[in-house]
Amino acid sequence: ECVKFYGSLFVRERNEEEDDSSENYEVFKYFIDFIATFDPFLHNHLDSSSVFKDDLKTIKNELLQNMLEVCREKILSEIKESSYLAVMIDNATDISEDTLTVIVFRYELNGVVYERFWGLFNLKKVDENRKSKCILDEIHKVFQNDSSKLIAQTYGGANFVKDEQESVQDRIL
């Protein structure tokens, strides 16, 4: 629950430059220690386990990655049962002003429409080729060579308009 809560607060907490002296690390460590004051089991575990004395950043990132995989497995199972799928793509800027590509899937299942967040992708250098490749890679994970369900794609922001050759949307089509 601590990792889930922490993950909801910090988009950039998984950046590679984070170390034991970073502000994010300190917030997470403080939060774990705070919860341990109310939870004798966690307090005992922190005192007796060597795991939490080592690289807390690695443990936290692995837990967040595992939670993401569980969520994606659920999304994939729902998409498999749905009749159609739309992909929504936009850009977002994080607190360090990096541009992130956001992918959301929209589909209907048993009469209920779902919009499921698939991920934020930091492409480092943003151009039409990298955006297209990232989006196609993620779509291929979902469709697994059966793109007949894809009925719509939407893009937000001016960053998806045409360059000299073709737009991201043209490439995805």
N, C-alpha and C. Protein backbone atom coordinates (compact mmCIF):
# COMPACT_ATOMS: atom_id res chain seq x y z
N GLU A 1 0.83 -1.19 0.00
CA GLU A 1 0.00 0.00 0.00
C GLU A 1 0.87 1.26 0.00
N CYS A 2 2.02 1.20 0.69
CA CYS A 2 2.93 2.34 0.70
C CYS A 2 3.46 2.62 -0.69
N VAL A 3 3.83 1.57 -1.41
CA VAL A 3 4.37 1.75 -2.76
C VAL A 3 3.28 2.29 -3.68
N LYS A 4 2.06 1.77 -3.56
CA LYS A 4 0.95 2.26 -4.37
C LYS A 4 0.70 3.74 -4.11
N PHE A 5 0.66 4.12 -2.82
CA PHE A 5 0.43 5.51 -2.46
C PHE A 5 1.56 6.38 -2.99
N TYR A 6 2.77 5.96 -2.77
CA TYR A 6 3.94 6.70 -3.22
C TYR A 6 3.93 6.85 -4.73
N GLY A 7 3.61 5.77 -5.43
CA GLY A 7 3.55 5.80 -6.89
C GLY A 7 2.52 6.77 -7.41
N SER A 8 1.43 6.97 -6.67
CA SER A 8 0.41 7.92 -7.10
C SER A 8 0.86 9.36 -6.91
N LEU A 9 1.83 9.59 -6.06
CA LEU A 9 2.30 10.95 -5.80
C LEU A 9 3.41 11.41 -6.73
N PHE A 10 4.28 10.50 -7.13
CA PHE A 10 5.48 10.88 -7.85
C PHE A 10 5.58 10.19 -9.20
N VAL A 11 5.37 10.96 -10.28
CA VAL A 11 5.52 10.40 -11.62
C VAL A 11 6.99 10.12 -11.88
N ARG A 12 7.88 10.98 -11.41
CA ARG A 12 9.30 10.87 -11.74
C ARG A 12 10.08 10.01 -10.76
N GLU A 13 9.44 9.34 -9.83
CA GLU A 13 10.17 8.61 -8.80
C GLU A 13 11.01 7.47 -9.34
N ARG A 14 10.79 7.04 -10.57
CA ARG A 14 11.54 5.90 -11.09
C ARG A 14 12.72 6.34 -11.94
N ASN A 15 13.08 7.61 -11.89
CA ASN A 15 14.15 8.03 -12.77
C ASN A 15 15.48 7.42 -12.34
N GLU A 16 16.33 7.22 -13.30
CA GLU A 16 17.57 6.47 -13.06
C GLU A 16 18.56 7.22 -12.18
N GLU A 17 18.43 8.54 -12.08
CA GLU A 17 19.39 9.31 -11.28
C GLU A 17 19.08 9.25 -9.78
N GLU A 18 17.97 8.69 -9.40
CA GLU A 18 17.59 8.67 -7.99
C GLU A 18 18.57 7.83 -7.19
N ASP A 19 19.01 8.36 -6.06
CA ASP A 19 19.89 7.60 -5.17
C ASP A 19 19.43 7.82 -3.74
N ASP A 20 20.20 7.29 -2.79
CA ASP A 20 19.81 7.37 -1.39
C ASP A 20 19.73 8.79 -0.85
N SER A 21 20.29 9.76 -1.57
CA SER A 21 20.25 11.14 -1.08
C SER A 21 19.15 11.95 -1.77
N SER A 22 18.45 11.39 -2.72
CA SER A 22 17.44 12.16 -3.45
C SER A 22 16.22 12.42 -2.56
N GLU A 23 15.53 13.49 -2.88
CA GLU A 23 14.35 13.89 -2.12
C GLU A 23 13.27 12.81 -2.19
N ASN A 24 13.06 12.23 -3.36
CA ASN A 24 12.04 11.19 -3.50
C ASN A 24 12.34 9.99 -2.62
N TYR A 25 13.59 9.58 -2.59
CA TYR A 25 13.98 8.45 -1.76
C TYR A 25 13.68 8.74 -0.30
N GLU A 26 14.02 9.94 0.15
CA GLU A 26 13.80 10.32 1.54
C GLU A 26 12.31 10.32 1.88
N VAL A 27 11.46 10.80 0.97
CA VAL A 27 10.02 10.81 1.21
C VAL A 27 9.52 9.38 1.35
N PHE A 28 9.94 8.50 0.45
CA PHE A 28 9.49 7.12 0.50
C PHE A 28 9.95 6.44 1.79
N LYS A 29 11.23 6.63 2.14
CA LYS A 29 11.77 6.02 3.36
C LYS A 29 11.04 6.55 4.60
N TYR A 30 10.79 7.85 4.62
CA TYR A 30 10.05 8.44 5.75
C TYR A 30 8.65 7.84 5.83
N PHE A 31 7.99 7.70 4.69
CA PHE A 31 6.64 7.16 4.67
C PHE A 31 6.61 5.72 5.20
N ILE A 32 7.56 4.90 4.76
CA ILE A 32 7.63 3.51 5.23
C ILE A 32 7.87 3.50 6.75
N ASP A 33 8.81 4.31 7.22
CA ASP A 33 9.09 4.37 8.66
C ASP A 33 7.87 4.86 9.45
N PHE A 34 7.14 5.83 8.89
CA PHE A 34 5.95 6.36 9.54
C PHE A 34 4.90 5.26 9.69
N ILE A 35 4.64 4.52 8.62
CA ILE A 35 3.64 3.45 8.67
C ILE A 35 4.09 2.37 9.67
N ALA A 36 5.39 2.12 9.74
CA ALA A 36 5.91 1.09 10.65
C ALA A 36 5.64 1.44 12.11
N THR A 37 5.48 2.71 12.43
CA THR A 37 5.17 3.09 13.82
C THR A 37 3.77 2.62 14.22
N PHE A 38 2.90 2.39 13.23
CA PHE A 38 1.53 1.93 13.51
C PHE A 38 1.34 0.44 13.23
N ASP A 39 2.32 -0.16 12.60
CA ASP A 39 2.19 -1.57 12.19
C ASP A 39 3.35 -2.36 12.79
N PRO A 40 3.12 -3.08 13.89
CA PRO A 40 4.19 -3.82 14.54
C PRO A 40 4.85 -4.86 13.62
N PHE A 41 4.06 -5.49 12.76
CA PHE A 41 4.62 -6.47 11.83
C PHE A 41 5.63 -5.82 10.89
N LEU A 42 5.26 -4.68 10.30
CA LEU A 42 6.17 -3.97 9.40
C LEU A 42 7.39 -3.47 10.17
N HIS A 43 7.17 -2.94 11.38
CA HIS A 43 8.28 -2.46 12.20
C HIS A 43 9.29 -3.58 12.47
N ASN A 44 8.79 -4.74 12.85
CA ASN A 44 9.65 -5.89 13.10
C ASN A 44 10.37 -6.34 11.83
N HIS A 45 9.64 -6.32 10.72
CA HIS A 45 10.23 -6.73 9.45
C HIS A 45 11.36 -5.78 9.05
N LEU A 46 11.14 -4.48 9.21
CA LEU A 46 12.17 -3.51 8.85
C LEU A 46 13.41 -3.67 9.73
N ASP A 47 13.20 -3.98 11.01
CA ASP A 47 14.32 -4.17 11.93
C ASP A 47 15.09 -5.45 11.66
N SER A 48 14.41 -6.51 11.27
CA SER A 48 15.06 -7.81 11.16
C SER A 48 15.47 -8.19 9.74
N SER A 49 14.91 -7.57 8.74
CA SER A 49 15.19 -7.95 7.35
C SER A 49 16.37 -7.16 6.79
N SER A 50 17.25 -7.86 6.11
CA SER A 50 18.36 -7.17 5.45
C SER A 50 17.91 -6.55 4.13
N VAL A 51 16.76 -6.97 3.61
CA VAL A 51 16.27 -6.47 2.33
C VAL A 51 16.09 -4.95 2.37
N PHE A 52 15.47 -4.44 3.42
CA PHE A 52 15.19 -3.02 3.49
C PHE A 52 16.39 -2.20 3.93
N LYS A 53 17.48 -2.83 4.23
CA LYS A 53 18.69 -2.09 4.58
C LYS A 53 19.54 -1.85 3.34
N ASP A 54 19.22 -2.53 2.26
CA ASP A 54 19.98 -2.38 1.02
C ASP A 54 19.37 -1.30 0.14
N ASP A 55 19.13 -1.62 -1.09
CA ASP A 55 18.70 -0.64 -2.08
C ASP A 55 17.18 -0.54 -2.12
N LEU A 56 16.64 0.39 -1.35
CA LEU A 56 15.19 0.58 -1.29
C LEU A 56 14.64 1.03 -2.63
N LYS A 57 15.41 1.79 -3.38
CA LYS A 57 14.98 2.25 -4.71
C LYS A 57 14.68 1.06 -5.60
N THR A 58 15.54 0.07 -5.61
CA THR A 58 15.35 -1.11 -6.45
C THR A 58 14.10 -1.88 -6.03
N ILE A 59 13.93 -2.06 -4.74
CA ILE A 59 12.75 -2.77 -4.23
C ILE A 59 11.48 -2.04 -4.63
N LYS A 60 11.46 -0.74 -4.41
CA LYS A 60 10.29 0.08 -4.73
C LYS A 60 9.98 0.01 -6.22
N ASN A 61 10.98 0.15 -7.06
CA ASN A 61 10.76 0.11 -8.50
C ASN A 61 10.28 -1.25 -8.96
N GLU A 62 10.80 -2.32 -8.37
CA GLU A 62 10.34 -3.66 -8.73
C GLU A 62 8.89 -3.86 -8.33
N LEU A 63 8.51 -3.37 -7.16
CA LEU A 63 7.11 -3.47 -6.72
C LEU A 63 6.18 -2.69 -7.65
N LEU A 64 6.58 -1.48 -8.02
CA LEU A 64 5.77 -0.68 -8.94
C LEU A 64 5.66 -1.36 -10.31
N GLN A 65 6.77 -1.92 -10.79
CA GLN A 65 6.75 -2.61 -12.08
C GLN A 65 5.83 -3.83 -12.02
N ASN A 66 5.86 -4.57 -10.92
CA ASN A 66 4.98 -5.73 -10.77
C ASN A 66 3.52 -5.32 -10.73
N MET A 67 3.20 -4.21 -10.05
CA MET A 67 1.82 -3.73 -10.02
C MET A 67 1.36 -3.32 -11.42
N LEU A 68 2.24 -2.68 -12.18
CA LEU A 68 1.91 -2.30 -13.56
C LEU A 68 1.63 -3.55 -14.40
N GLU A 69 2.44 -4.58 -14.24
CA GLU A 69 2.23 -5.81 -15.00
C GLU A 69 0.90 -6.48 -14.66
N VAL A 70 0.53 -6.48 -13.39
CA VAL A 70 -0.76 -7.05 -12.99
C VAL A 70 -1.90 -6.25 -13.62
N CYS A 71 -1.81 -4.93 -13.58
CA CYS A 71 -2.84 -4.09 -14.20
C CYS A 71 -2.93 -4.35 -15.70
N ARG A 72 -1.79 -4.44 -16.35
CA ARG A 72 -1.79 -4.68 -17.80
C ARG A 72 -2.35 -6.05 -18.14
N GLU A 73 -2.07 -7.06 -17.34
CA GLU A 73 -2.65 -8.38 -17.58
C GLU A 73 -4.18 -8.32 -17.52
N LYS A 74 -4.70 -7.57 -16.56
CA LYS A 74 -6.15 -7.40 -16.43
C LYS A 74 -6.71 -6.69 -17.66
N ILE A 75 -6.04 -5.62 -18.08
CA ILE A 75 -6.47 -4.88 -19.26
C ILE A 75 -6.45 -5.79 -20.49
N LEU A 76 -5.38 -6.55 -20.66
CA LEU A 76 -5.28 -7.45 -21.82
C LEU A 76 -6.40 -8.49 -21.82
N SER A 77 -6.75 -9.02 -20.66
CA SER A 77 -7.82 -10.01 -20.61
C SER A 77 -9.16 -9.37 -20.96
N GLU A 78 -9.38 -8.14 -20.53
CA GLU A 78 -10.62 -7.45 -20.87
C GLU A 78 -10.67 -7.13 -22.36
N ILE A 79 -9.55 -6.66 -22.91
CA ILE A 79 -9.50 -6.34 -24.34
C ILE A 79 -9.73 -7.59 -25.18
N LYS A 80 -9.20 -8.70 -24.74
CA LYS A 80 -9.39 -9.96 -25.47
C LYS A 80 -10.87 -10.31 -25.59
N GLU A 81 -11.65 -9.98 -24.56
CA GLU A 81 -13.08 -10.28 -24.55
C GLU A 81 -13.92 -9.22 -25.28
N SER A 82 -13.36 -8.05 -25.49
CA SER A 82 -14.13 -6.97 -26.12
C SER A 82 -14.18 -7.16 -27.63
N SER A 83 -15.15 -6.47 -28.24
CA SER A 83 -15.34 -6.58 -29.69
C SER A 83 -14.51 -5.56 -30.46
N TYR A 84 -14.22 -4.45 -29.84
CA TYR A 84 -13.48 -3.40 -30.52
C TYR A 84 -12.61 -2.64 -29.52
N LEU A 85 -11.72 -1.82 -30.09
CA LEU A 85 -10.75 -1.09 -29.26
C LEU A 85 -10.40 0.22 -29.94
N ALA A 86 -10.28 1.25 -29.15
CA ALA A 86 -9.78 2.54 -29.63
C ALA A 86 -8.53 2.86 -28.82
N VAL A 87 -7.58 3.50 -29.47
CA VAL A 87 -6.37 3.91 -28.77
C VAL A 87 -6.35 5.44 -28.74
N MET A 88 -6.07 5.98 -27.56
CA MET A 88 -6.00 7.43 -27.38
C MET A 88 -4.56 7.77 -26.97
N ILE A 89 -3.98 8.71 -27.69
CA ILE A 89 -2.59 9.06 -27.46
C ILE A 89 -2.47 10.56 -27.31
N ASP A 90 -1.69 10.96 -26.31
CA ASP A 90 -1.48 12.38 -26.08
C ASP A 90 -0.09 12.55 -25.48
N ASN A 91 0.30 13.77 -25.33
CA ASN A 91 1.55 14.10 -24.65
C ASN A 91 1.24 14.73 -23.32
N ALA A 92 2.11 14.52 -22.37
CA ALA A 92 2.03 15.17 -21.06
C ALA A 92 3.44 15.63 -20.71
N THR A 93 3.51 16.65 -19.92
CA THR A 93 4.81 17.16 -19.48
C THR A 93 4.91 16.94 -17.98
N ASP A 94 6.03 16.34 -17.55
CA ASP A 94 6.20 16.11 -16.11
C ASP A 94 6.86 17.31 -15.47
N ILE A 95 7.13 17.21 -14.17
CA ILE A 95 7.64 18.36 -13.43
C ILE A 95 9.03 18.80 -13.88
N SER A 96 9.78 17.91 -14.53
CA SER A 96 11.10 18.31 -15.04
C SER A 96 11.00 18.76 -16.49
N GLU A 97 9.77 18.93 -16.97
CA GLU A 97 9.46 19.41 -18.31
C GLU A 97 9.89 18.46 -19.41
N ASP A 98 10.01 17.16 -19.09
CA ASP A 98 10.19 16.14 -20.12
C ASP A 98 8.83 15.85 -20.73
N THR A 99 8.81 15.62 -22.03
CA THR A 99 7.56 15.27 -22.71
C THR A 99 7.38 13.77 -22.66
N LEU A 100 6.23 13.35 -22.16
CA LEU A 100 5.91 11.94 -22.05
C LEU A 100 4.75 11.62 -22.98
N THR A 101 4.80 10.48 -23.64
CA THR A 101 3.71 10.02 -24.47
C THR A 101 2.78 9.17 -23.60
N VAL A 102 1.50 9.48 -23.63
CA VAL A 102 0.50 8.80 -22.83
C VAL A 102 -0.35 7.92 -23.76
N ILE A 103 -0.54 6.65 -23.37
CA ILE A 103 -1.37 5.75 -24.15
C ILE A 103 -2.51 5.25 -23.27
N VAL A 104 -3.73 5.40 -23.78
CA VAL A 104 -4.94 4.95 -23.10
C VAL A 104 -5.75 4.12 -24.09
N PHE A 105 -6.29 3.00 -23.63
CA PHE A 105 -7.16 2.17 -24.46
C PHE A 105 -8.60 2.35 -24.01
N ARG A 106 -9.49 2.40 -24.99
CA ARG A 106 -10.93 2.52 -24.71
C ARG A 106 -11.63 1.35 -25.39
N TYR A 107 -12.49 0.68 -24.63
CA TYR A 107 -13.19 -0.48 -25.19
C TYR A 107 -14.47 -0.72 -24.40
N GLU A 108 -15.35 -1.53 -25.00
CA GLU A 108 -16.62 -1.88 -24.38
C GLU A 108 -16.56 -3.35 -23.98
N LEU A 109 -17.06 -3.62 -22.78
CA LEU A 109 -17.11 -4.99 -22.30
C LEU A 109 -18.40 -5.17 -21.50
N ASN A 110 -19.24 -6.07 -21.96
CA ASN A 110 -20.52 -6.35 -21.29
C ASN A 110 -21.36 -5.09 -21.07
N GLY A 111 -21.39 -4.24 -22.09
CA GLY A 111 -22.22 -3.03 -22.04
C GLY A 111 -21.62 -1.87 -21.28
N VAL A 112 -20.40 -2.01 -20.78
CA VAL A 112 -19.73 -0.94 -20.03
C VAL A 112 -18.51 -0.48 -20.83
N VAL A 113 -18.38 0.83 -20.98
CA VAL A 113 -17.22 1.38 -21.69
C VAL A 113 -16.12 1.66 -20.67
N TYR A 114 -14.91 1.18 -20.99
CA TYR A 114 -13.75 1.38 -20.12
C TYR A 114 -12.70 2.21 -20.84
N GLU A 115 -12.06 3.08 -20.10
CA GLU A 115 -10.86 3.77 -20.56
C GLU A 115 -9.77 3.36 -19.60
N ARG A 116 -8.75 2.69 -20.11
CA ARG A 116 -7.69 2.17 -19.26
C ARG A 116 -6.35 2.79 -19.63
N PHE A 117 -5.73 3.38 -18.63
CA PHE A 117 -4.39 3.93 -18.78
C PHE A 117 -3.42 2.79 -19.03
N TRP A 118 -2.65 2.86 -20.11
CA TRP A 118 -1.69 1.82 -20.44
C TRP A 118 -0.27 2.21 -20.02
N GLY A 119 0.07 3.48 -20.17
CA GLY A 119 1.41 3.86 -19.74
C GLY A 119 1.83 5.25 -20.16
N LEU A 120 2.88 5.70 -19.50
CA LEU A 120 3.60 6.93 -19.84
C LEU A 120 4.95 6.52 -20.37
N PHE A 121 5.35 7.09 -21.49
CA PHE A 121 6.60 6.68 -22.12
C PHE A 121 7.46 7.91 -22.36
N ASN A 122 8.64 7.91 -21.76
CA ASN A 122 9.60 8.99 -21.94
C ASN A 122 10.52 8.58 -23.07
N LEU A 123 10.38 9.25 -24.20
CA LEU A 123 11.13 8.87 -25.40
C LEU A 123 12.48 9.57 -25.49
N LYS A 124 12.85 10.30 -24.47
CA LYS A 124 14.10 11.07 -24.43
C LYS A 124 14.13 12.08 -25.57
N LYS A 125 14.41 11.65 -26.79
CA LYS A 125 14.39 12.54 -27.95
C LYS A 125 13.07 12.30 -28.67
N VAL A 126 12.24 13.33 -28.77
CA VAL A 126 10.91 13.17 -29.34
C VAL A 126 10.92 13.54 -30.82
N ASP A 127 10.56 12.59 -31.66
CA ASP A 127 10.33 12.83 -33.07
C ASP A 127 9.27 11.85 -33.55
N GLU A 128 8.79 12.04 -34.77
CA GLU A 128 7.69 11.22 -35.29
C GLU A 128 8.06 9.74 -35.36
N ASN A 129 9.30 9.43 -35.72
CA ASN A 129 9.71 8.02 -35.81
C ASN A 129 9.68 7.34 -34.45
N ARG A 130 10.22 8.01 -33.44
CA ARG A 130 10.25 7.42 -32.09
C ARG A 130 8.85 7.28 -31.52
N LYS A 131 8.01 8.31 -31.71
CA LYS A 131 6.63 8.22 -31.23
C LYS A 131 5.92 7.05 -31.89
N SER A 132 6.05 6.96 -33.21
CA SER A 132 5.38 5.88 -33.95
C SER A 132 5.86 4.52 -33.48
N LYS A 133 7.16 4.36 -33.33
CA LYS A 133 7.70 3.07 -32.90
C LYS A 133 7.21 2.70 -31.51
N CYS A 134 7.22 3.65 -30.59
CA CYS A 134 6.74 3.40 -29.22
C CYS A 134 5.27 2.97 -29.24
N ILE A 135 4.45 3.71 -29.96
CA ILE A 135 3.02 3.42 -30.01
C ILE A 135 2.78 2.06 -30.66
N LEU A 136 3.45 1.80 -31.77
CA LEU A 136 3.28 0.51 -32.46
C LEU A 136 3.74 -0.65 -31.59
N ASP A 137 4.84 -0.47 -30.88
CA ASP A 137 5.32 -1.53 -29.98
C ASP A 137 4.26 -1.87 -28.93
N GLU A 138 3.65 -0.85 -28.35
CA GLU A 138 2.65 -1.07 -27.32
C GLU A 138 1.36 -1.67 -27.90
N ILE A 139 0.95 -1.19 -29.07
CA ILE A 139 -0.24 -1.73 -29.71
C ILE A 139 -0.04 -3.20 -30.07
N HIS A 140 1.15 -3.55 -30.54
CA HIS A 140 1.44 -4.95 -30.88
C HIS A 140 1.35 -5.85 -29.65
N LYS A 141 1.73 -5.34 -28.50
CA LYS A 141 1.59 -6.12 -27.26
C LYS A 141 0.13 -6.46 -26.99
N VAL A 142 -0.75 -5.52 -27.32
CA VAL A 142 -2.17 -5.69 -27.06
C VAL A 142 -2.83 -6.58 -28.12
N PHE A 143 -2.53 -6.31 -29.37
CA PHE A 143 -3.21 -7.03 -30.46
C PHE A 143 -2.60 -8.39 -30.76
N GLN A 144 -1.33 -8.54 -30.53
CA GLN A 144 -0.64 -9.80 -30.82
C GLN A 144 -0.99 -10.29 -32.23
N ASN A 145 -0.72 -9.43 -33.21
CA ASN A 145 -0.89 -9.73 -34.65
C ASN A 145 -2.35 -9.83 -35.09
N ASP A 146 -3.30 -9.32 -34.34
CA ASP A 146 -4.69 -9.28 -34.76
C ASP A 146 -5.22 -7.87 -34.52
N SER A 147 -5.06 -7.01 -35.49
CA SER A 147 -5.45 -5.61 -35.33
C SER A 147 -6.87 -5.34 -35.80
N SER A 148 -7.67 -6.37 -36.03
CA SER A 148 -9.03 -6.17 -36.54
C SER A 148 -9.93 -5.46 -35.54
N LYS A 149 -9.60 -5.47 -34.27
CA LYS A 149 -10.42 -4.80 -33.25
C LYS A 149 -10.22 -3.30 -33.22
N LEU A 150 -9.12 -2.82 -33.76
CA LEU A 150 -8.82 -1.38 -33.69
C LEU A 150 -9.76 -0.61 -34.61
N ILE A 151 -10.64 0.18 -34.01
CA ILE A 151 -11.62 0.92 -34.81
C ILE A 151 -11.38 2.42 -34.79
N ALA A 152 -10.54 2.91 -33.87
CA ALA A 152 -10.32 4.35 -33.80
C ALA A 152 -8.99 4.64 -33.13
N GLN A 153 -8.43 5.76 -33.53
CA GLN A 153 -7.25 6.29 -32.86
C GLN A 153 -7.41 7.79 -32.75
N THR A 154 -7.09 8.32 -31.59
CA THR A 154 -7.20 9.76 -31.38
C THR A 154 -5.88 10.28 -30.83
N TYR A 155 -5.58 11.50 -31.21
CA TYR A 155 -4.32 12.14 -30.81
C TYR A 155 -4.62 13.53 -30.32
N GLY A 156 -3.99 13.90 -29.22
CA GLY A 156 -4.16 15.24 -28.70
C GLY A 156 -2.89 16.04 -28.92
N GLY A 157 -3.05 17.33 -29.01
CA GLY A 157 -1.89 18.21 -29.06
C GLY A 157 -1.29 18.36 -30.44
N ALA A 158 -0.60 19.45 -30.60
CA ALA A 158 0.02 19.77 -31.88
C ALA A 158 1.26 18.92 -32.16
N ASN A 159 1.76 18.20 -31.16
CA ASN A 159 2.96 17.41 -31.36
C ASN A 159 2.75 16.18 -32.22
N PHE A 160 1.52 15.93 -32.63
CA PHE A 160 1.25 14.77 -33.47
C PHE A 160 0.91 15.18 -34.90
N VAL A 161 1.09 16.46 -35.23
CA VAL A 161 0.79 16.90 -36.59
C VAL A 161 1.88 16.44 -37.54
N LYS A 162 1.63 16.60 -38.83
CA LYS A 162 2.54 16.09 -39.84
C LYS A 162 3.89 16.79 -39.79
N ASP A 163 4.92 15.99 -40.05
CA ASP A 163 6.24 16.56 -40.30
C ASP A 163 6.41 16.58 -41.81
N GLU A 164 7.64 16.57 -42.28
CA GLU A 164 7.89 16.64 -43.72
C GLU A 164 7.33 15.43 -44.46
N GLN A 165 7.25 14.27 -43.79
CA GLN A 165 6.83 13.06 -44.47
C GLN A 165 5.39 12.71 -44.12
N GLU A 166 5.16 12.09 -42.99
CA GLU A 166 3.82 11.69 -42.61
C GLU A 166 3.65 11.80 -41.10
N SER A 167 2.41 11.88 -40.68
CA SER A 167 2.11 12.04 -39.25
C SER A 167 2.23 10.70 -38.54
N VAL A 168 2.26 10.77 -37.22
CA VAL A 168 2.25 9.56 -36.39
C VAL A 168 0.99 8.75 -36.71
N GLN A 169 -0.14 9.44 -36.84
CA GLN A 169 -1.40 8.75 -37.12
C GLN A 169 -1.33 8.00 -38.44
N ASP A 170 -0.76 8.59 -39.47
CA ASP A 170 -0.59 7.91 -40.76
C ASP A 170 0.26 6.66 -40.60
N ARG A 171 1.31 6.77 -39.80
CA ARG A 171 2.21 5.62 -39.60
C ARG A 171 1.51 4.50 -38.86
N ILE A 172 0.68 4.84 -37.88
CA ILE A 172 -0.04 3.82 -37.14
C ILE A 172 -1.06 3.14 -38.04
N LEU A 173 -1.75 3.91 -38.87
CA LEU A 173 -2.70 3.32 -39.82
C LEU A 173 -1.99 2.29 -40.70
